């Protein structure tokens, strides 16, 4: 009779352990899927960052700034006599 109870208790413990292993494996797969999604998102953001850096470099070029100033703002360089130099 005691042997039957011990076998029963061990069977329940074995069942709980098996279910715990199944759950932990399932949960680890969910985490792995989430990590893959986050890595794909990171890759997309890195590409976007590179494109933004390239765009910023293009817009900051001196000749582009000068061309926009001349065309859109109608700015011109002053004559040499009107330029005032300030010494530090």
N, C-alpha and C. Protein backbone atom coordinates (compact mmCIF):
# COMPACT_ATOMS: atom_id res chain seq x y z
N UNK A 1 0.81 -1.18 0.00
CA UNK A 1 0.00 0.00 0.00
C UNK A 1 0.87 1.27 0.00
N UNK A 2 1.93 1.28 0.80
CA UNK A 2 2.83 2.42 0.84
C UNK A 2 3.56 2.54 -0.49
N UNK A 3 3.89 1.43 -1.09
CA UNK A 3 4.56 1.44 -2.39
C UNK A 3 3.65 2.06 -3.44
N UNK A 4 2.39 1.75 -3.40
CA UNK A 4 1.44 2.32 -4.37
C UNK A 4 1.35 3.84 -4.20
N UNK A 5 1.36 4.31 -2.98
CA UNK A 5 1.32 5.76 -2.75
C UNK A 5 2.61 6.43 -3.24
N UNK A 6 3.71 5.80 -2.97
CA UNK A 6 5.00 6.36 -3.43
C UNK A 6 5.02 6.40 -4.96
N UNK A 7 4.57 5.35 -5.59
CA UNK A 7 4.52 5.31 -7.06
C UNK A 7 3.56 6.38 -7.56
N UNK A 8 2.44 6.54 -6.89
CA UNK A 8 1.47 7.57 -7.29
C UNK A 8 2.05 8.97 -7.15
N UNK A 9 2.71 9.23 -6.02
CA UNK A 9 3.32 10.54 -5.80
C UNK A 9 4.43 10.78 -6.82
N UNK A 10 5.25 9.79 -7.08
CA UNK A 10 6.31 9.94 -8.08
C UNK A 10 5.73 10.16 -9.47
N UNK A 11 4.61 9.52 -9.77
CA UNK A 11 3.95 9.72 -11.05
C UNK A 11 3.45 11.15 -11.19
N UNK A 12 2.86 11.69 -10.13
CA UNK A 12 2.39 13.08 -10.15
C UNK A 12 3.57 14.04 -10.30
N UNK A 13 4.65 13.79 -9.55
CA UNK A 13 5.84 14.63 -9.65
C UNK A 13 6.41 14.57 -11.07
N UNK A 14 6.44 13.38 -11.64
CA UNK A 14 6.93 13.22 -13.01
C UNK A 14 6.07 13.98 -13.99
N UNK A 15 4.77 13.92 -13.82
CA UNK A 15 3.84 14.63 -14.70
C UNK A 15 4.04 16.15 -14.59
N UNK A 16 4.16 16.64 -13.36
CA UNK A 16 4.37 18.08 -13.16
C UNK A 16 5.71 18.52 -13.77
N UNK A 17 6.73 17.72 -13.60
CA UNK A 17 8.03 18.03 -14.19
C UNK A 17 7.96 18.06 -15.71
N UNK A 18 7.28 17.10 -16.29
CA UNK A 18 7.13 17.04 -17.75
C UNK A 18 6.38 18.27 -18.27
N UNK A 19 5.31 18.65 -17.58
CA UNK A 19 4.57 19.84 -17.98
C UNK A 19 5.41 21.11 -17.83
N UNK A 20 6.24 21.15 -16.80
CA UNK A 20 7.13 22.30 -16.62
C UNK A 20 8.14 22.40 -17.76
N UNK A 21 8.69 21.28 -18.18
CA UNK A 21 9.65 21.27 -19.29
C UNK A 21 8.97 21.72 -20.58
N UNK A 22 7.76 21.23 -20.80
CA UNK A 22 7.01 21.63 -22.01
C UNK A 22 6.74 23.12 -22.00
N UNK A 23 6.30 23.64 -20.86
CA UNK A 23 6.02 25.07 -20.76
C UNK A 23 7.28 25.91 -20.97
N UNK A 24 8.38 25.51 -20.35
CA UNK A 24 9.61 26.30 -20.49
C UNK A 24 10.11 26.28 -21.93
N UNK A 25 9.98 25.17 -22.62
CA UNK A 25 10.37 25.09 -24.03
C UNK A 25 9.49 26.01 -24.88
N UNK A 26 8.20 25.98 -24.62
CA UNK A 26 7.26 26.85 -25.34
C UNK A 26 7.59 28.32 -25.10
N UNK A 27 7.84 28.67 -23.84
CA UNK A 27 8.15 30.05 -23.50
C UNK A 27 9.46 30.50 -24.14
N UNK A 28 10.46 29.62 -24.18
CA UNK A 28 11.73 29.98 -24.81
C UNK A 28 11.56 30.20 -26.31
N UNK A 29 10.68 29.44 -26.94
CA UNK A 29 10.40 29.66 -28.37
C UNK A 29 9.73 31.00 -28.58
N UNK A 30 8.81 31.36 -27.71
CA UNK A 30 8.17 32.67 -27.82
C UNK A 30 9.19 33.80 -27.67
N UNK A 31 10.09 33.65 -26.73
CA UNK A 31 11.14 34.65 -26.55
C UNK A 31 12.05 34.73 -27.76
N UNK A 32 12.39 33.58 -28.34
CA UNK A 32 13.25 33.57 -29.52
C UNK A 32 12.58 34.27 -30.69
N UNK A 33 11.29 34.03 -30.87
CA UNK A 33 10.53 34.71 -31.94
C UNK A 33 10.53 36.21 -31.71
N UNK A 34 10.34 36.62 -30.48
CA UNK A 34 10.34 38.05 -30.16
C UNK A 34 11.71 38.66 -30.42
N UNK A 35 12.77 37.95 -30.07
CA UNK A 35 14.13 38.45 -30.34
C UNK A 35 14.35 38.62 -31.83
N UNK A 36 13.90 37.67 -32.63
CA UNK A 36 14.06 37.79 -34.08
C UNK A 36 13.32 39.01 -34.62
N UNK A 37 12.11 39.25 -34.13
CA UNK A 37 11.36 40.43 -34.56
C UNK A 37 12.10 41.71 -34.20
N UNK A 38 12.63 41.76 -32.99
CA UNK A 38 13.37 42.94 -32.56
C UNK A 38 14.64 43.15 -33.38
N UNK A 39 15.31 42.07 -33.75
CA UNK A 39 16.51 42.20 -34.58
C UNK A 39 16.17 42.71 -35.97
N UNK A 40 15.06 42.24 -36.54
CA UNK A 40 14.63 42.76 -37.84
C UNK A 40 14.30 44.25 -37.75
N UNK A 41 13.63 44.63 -36.68
CA UNK A 41 13.31 46.04 -36.47
C UNK A 41 14.59 46.87 -36.32
N UNK A 42 15.57 46.34 -35.61
CA UNK A 42 16.85 47.03 -35.46
C UNK A 42 17.54 47.20 -36.81
N UNK A 43 17.52 46.17 -37.63
CA UNK A 43 18.13 46.27 -38.96
C UNK A 43 17.46 47.36 -39.79
N UNK A 44 16.14 47.43 -39.74
CA UNK A 44 15.42 48.46 -40.48
C UNK A 44 15.77 49.86 -39.96
N UNK A 45 15.87 49.99 -38.66
CA UNK A 45 16.22 51.29 -38.07
C UNK A 45 17.65 51.70 -38.44
N UNK A 46 18.56 50.73 -38.50
CA UNK A 46 19.94 51.05 -38.88
C UNK A 46 20.01 51.52 -40.33
N UNK A 47 19.24 50.91 -41.20
CA UNK A 47 19.20 51.35 -42.60
C UNK A 47 18.62 52.76 -42.67
N UNK A 48 17.55 52.99 -41.94
CA UNK A 48 16.94 54.32 -41.92
C UNK A 48 17.91 55.36 -41.37
N UNK A 49 18.66 55.00 -40.33
CA UNK A 49 19.65 55.91 -39.76
C UNK A 49 20.73 56.25 -40.78
N UNK A 50 21.20 55.26 -41.50
CA UNK A 50 22.20 55.52 -42.53
C UNK A 50 21.69 56.44 -43.62
N UNK A 51 20.46 56.23 -44.03
CA UNK A 51 19.86 57.10 -45.06
C UNK A 51 19.71 58.53 -44.54
N UNK A 52 19.33 58.65 -43.28
CA UNK A 52 19.18 59.98 -42.70
C UNK A 52 20.52 60.69 -42.59
N UNK A 53 21.56 59.96 -42.21
CA UNK A 53 22.90 60.55 -42.14
C UNK A 53 23.37 61.02 -43.51
N UNK A 54 23.11 60.22 -44.52
CA UNK A 54 23.49 60.59 -45.89
C UNK A 54 22.73 61.84 -46.33
N UNK A 55 21.45 61.89 -46.03
CA UNK A 55 20.63 63.05 -46.37
C UNK A 55 21.13 64.30 -45.65
N UNK A 56 21.47 64.15 -44.39
CA UNK A 56 21.97 65.28 -43.62
C UNK A 56 23.29 65.79 -44.20
N UNK A 57 24.15 64.88 -44.59
CA UNK A 57 25.42 65.27 -45.19
C UNK A 57 25.19 66.03 -46.50
N UNK A 58 24.23 65.56 -47.28
CA UNK A 58 23.93 66.22 -48.55
C UNK A 58 23.40 67.62 -48.34
N UNK A 59 22.50 67.77 -47.37
CA UNK A 59 21.92 69.09 -47.12
C UNK A 59 22.90 70.06 -46.49
N UNK A 60 23.90 69.57 -45.81
CA UNK A 60 24.84 70.44 -45.11
C UNK A 60 26.03 70.86 -45.97
N UNK A 61 26.13 70.37 -47.18
CA UNK A 61 27.25 70.75 -48.03
C UNK A 61 27.21 72.25 -48.30
N UNK A 62 28.40 72.87 -48.29
CA UNK A 62 28.50 74.32 -48.43
C UNK A 62 27.91 74.83 -49.74
N UNK A 63 28.20 74.14 -50.85
CA UNK A 63 27.70 74.62 -52.14
C UNK A 63 26.17 74.53 -52.20
N UNK A 64 25.58 73.55 -51.55
CA UNK A 64 24.12 73.45 -51.53
C UNK A 64 23.53 74.58 -50.69
N UNK A 65 24.13 74.87 -49.55
CA UNK A 65 23.65 75.96 -48.70
C UNK A 65 23.73 77.28 -49.46
N UNK A 66 24.84 77.48 -50.14
CA UNK A 66 25.00 78.72 -50.89
C UNK A 66 23.99 78.81 -52.04
N UNK A 67 23.74 77.71 -52.73
CA UNK A 67 22.79 77.72 -53.84
C UNK A 67 21.37 78.00 -53.34
N UNK A 68 21.00 77.42 -52.23
CA UNK A 68 19.66 77.68 -51.67
C UNK A 68 19.56 79.14 -51.24
N UNK A 69 20.62 79.66 -50.64
CA UNK A 69 20.61 81.06 -50.21
C UNK A 69 20.45 81.99 -51.41
N UNK A 70 21.11 81.69 -52.49
CA UNK A 70 21.01 82.54 -53.68
C UNK A 70 19.64 82.41 -54.37
N UNK A 71 19.16 81.18 -54.53
CA UNK A 71 17.93 80.95 -55.29
C UNK A 71 16.66 81.27 -54.51
N UNK A 72 16.53 80.70 -53.33
CA UNK A 72 15.28 80.85 -52.58
C UNK A 72 15.23 82.14 -51.76
N UNK A 73 16.36 82.50 -51.16
CA UNK A 73 16.37 83.68 -50.29
C UNK A 73 16.86 84.93 -50.99
N UNK A 74 17.33 84.77 -52.22
CA UNK A 74 17.82 85.89 -53.03
C UNK A 74 18.94 86.66 -52.34
N UNK A 75 19.81 85.92 -51.67
CA UNK A 75 20.95 86.52 -50.99
C UNK A 75 22.13 86.61 -51.95
N UNK A 76 22.92 87.67 -51.80
CA UNK A 76 24.12 87.85 -52.61
C UNK A 76 25.27 88.19 -51.67
N UNK A 77 26.49 87.93 -52.12
CA UNK A 77 27.65 88.30 -51.34
C UNK A 77 27.82 89.81 -51.40
N UNK A 78 28.14 90.44 -50.27
CA UNK A 78 28.35 91.90 -50.29
C UNK A 78 29.68 92.21 -50.99
N UNK A 79 29.78 93.42 -51.45
CA UNK A 79 31.03 93.84 -52.09
C UNK A 79 32.12 93.87 -51.02
N UNK A 80 33.34 93.77 -51.46
CA UNK A 80 34.47 93.64 -50.54
C UNK A 80 34.58 94.83 -49.58
N UNK A 81 34.23 96.02 -50.03
CA UNK A 81 34.36 97.21 -49.19
C UNK A 81 33.35 97.20 -48.04
N UNK A 82 32.26 96.50 -48.17
CA UNK A 82 31.22 96.50 -47.14
C UNK A 82 31.41 95.39 -46.11
N UNK A 83 32.40 94.55 -46.31
CA UNK A 83 32.67 93.48 -45.36
C UNK A 83 33.49 94.04 -44.20
N UNK A 84 33.03 93.81 -42.98
CA UNK A 84 33.71 94.27 -41.79
C UNK A 84 34.31 93.08 -41.07
N UNK A 85 35.59 93.12 -40.82
CA UNK A 85 36.27 92.05 -40.11
C UNK A 85 36.44 92.43 -38.64
N UNK A 86 36.11 91.54 -37.77
CA UNK A 86 36.22 91.78 -36.34
C UNK A 86 37.36 90.91 -35.80
N UNK A 87 38.29 91.59 -35.11
CA UNK A 87 39.42 90.85 -34.55
C UNK A 87 39.01 90.32 -33.17
N UNK A 88 39.43 89.12 -32.84
CA UNK A 88 39.07 88.58 -31.52
C UNK A 88 39.81 89.26 -30.37
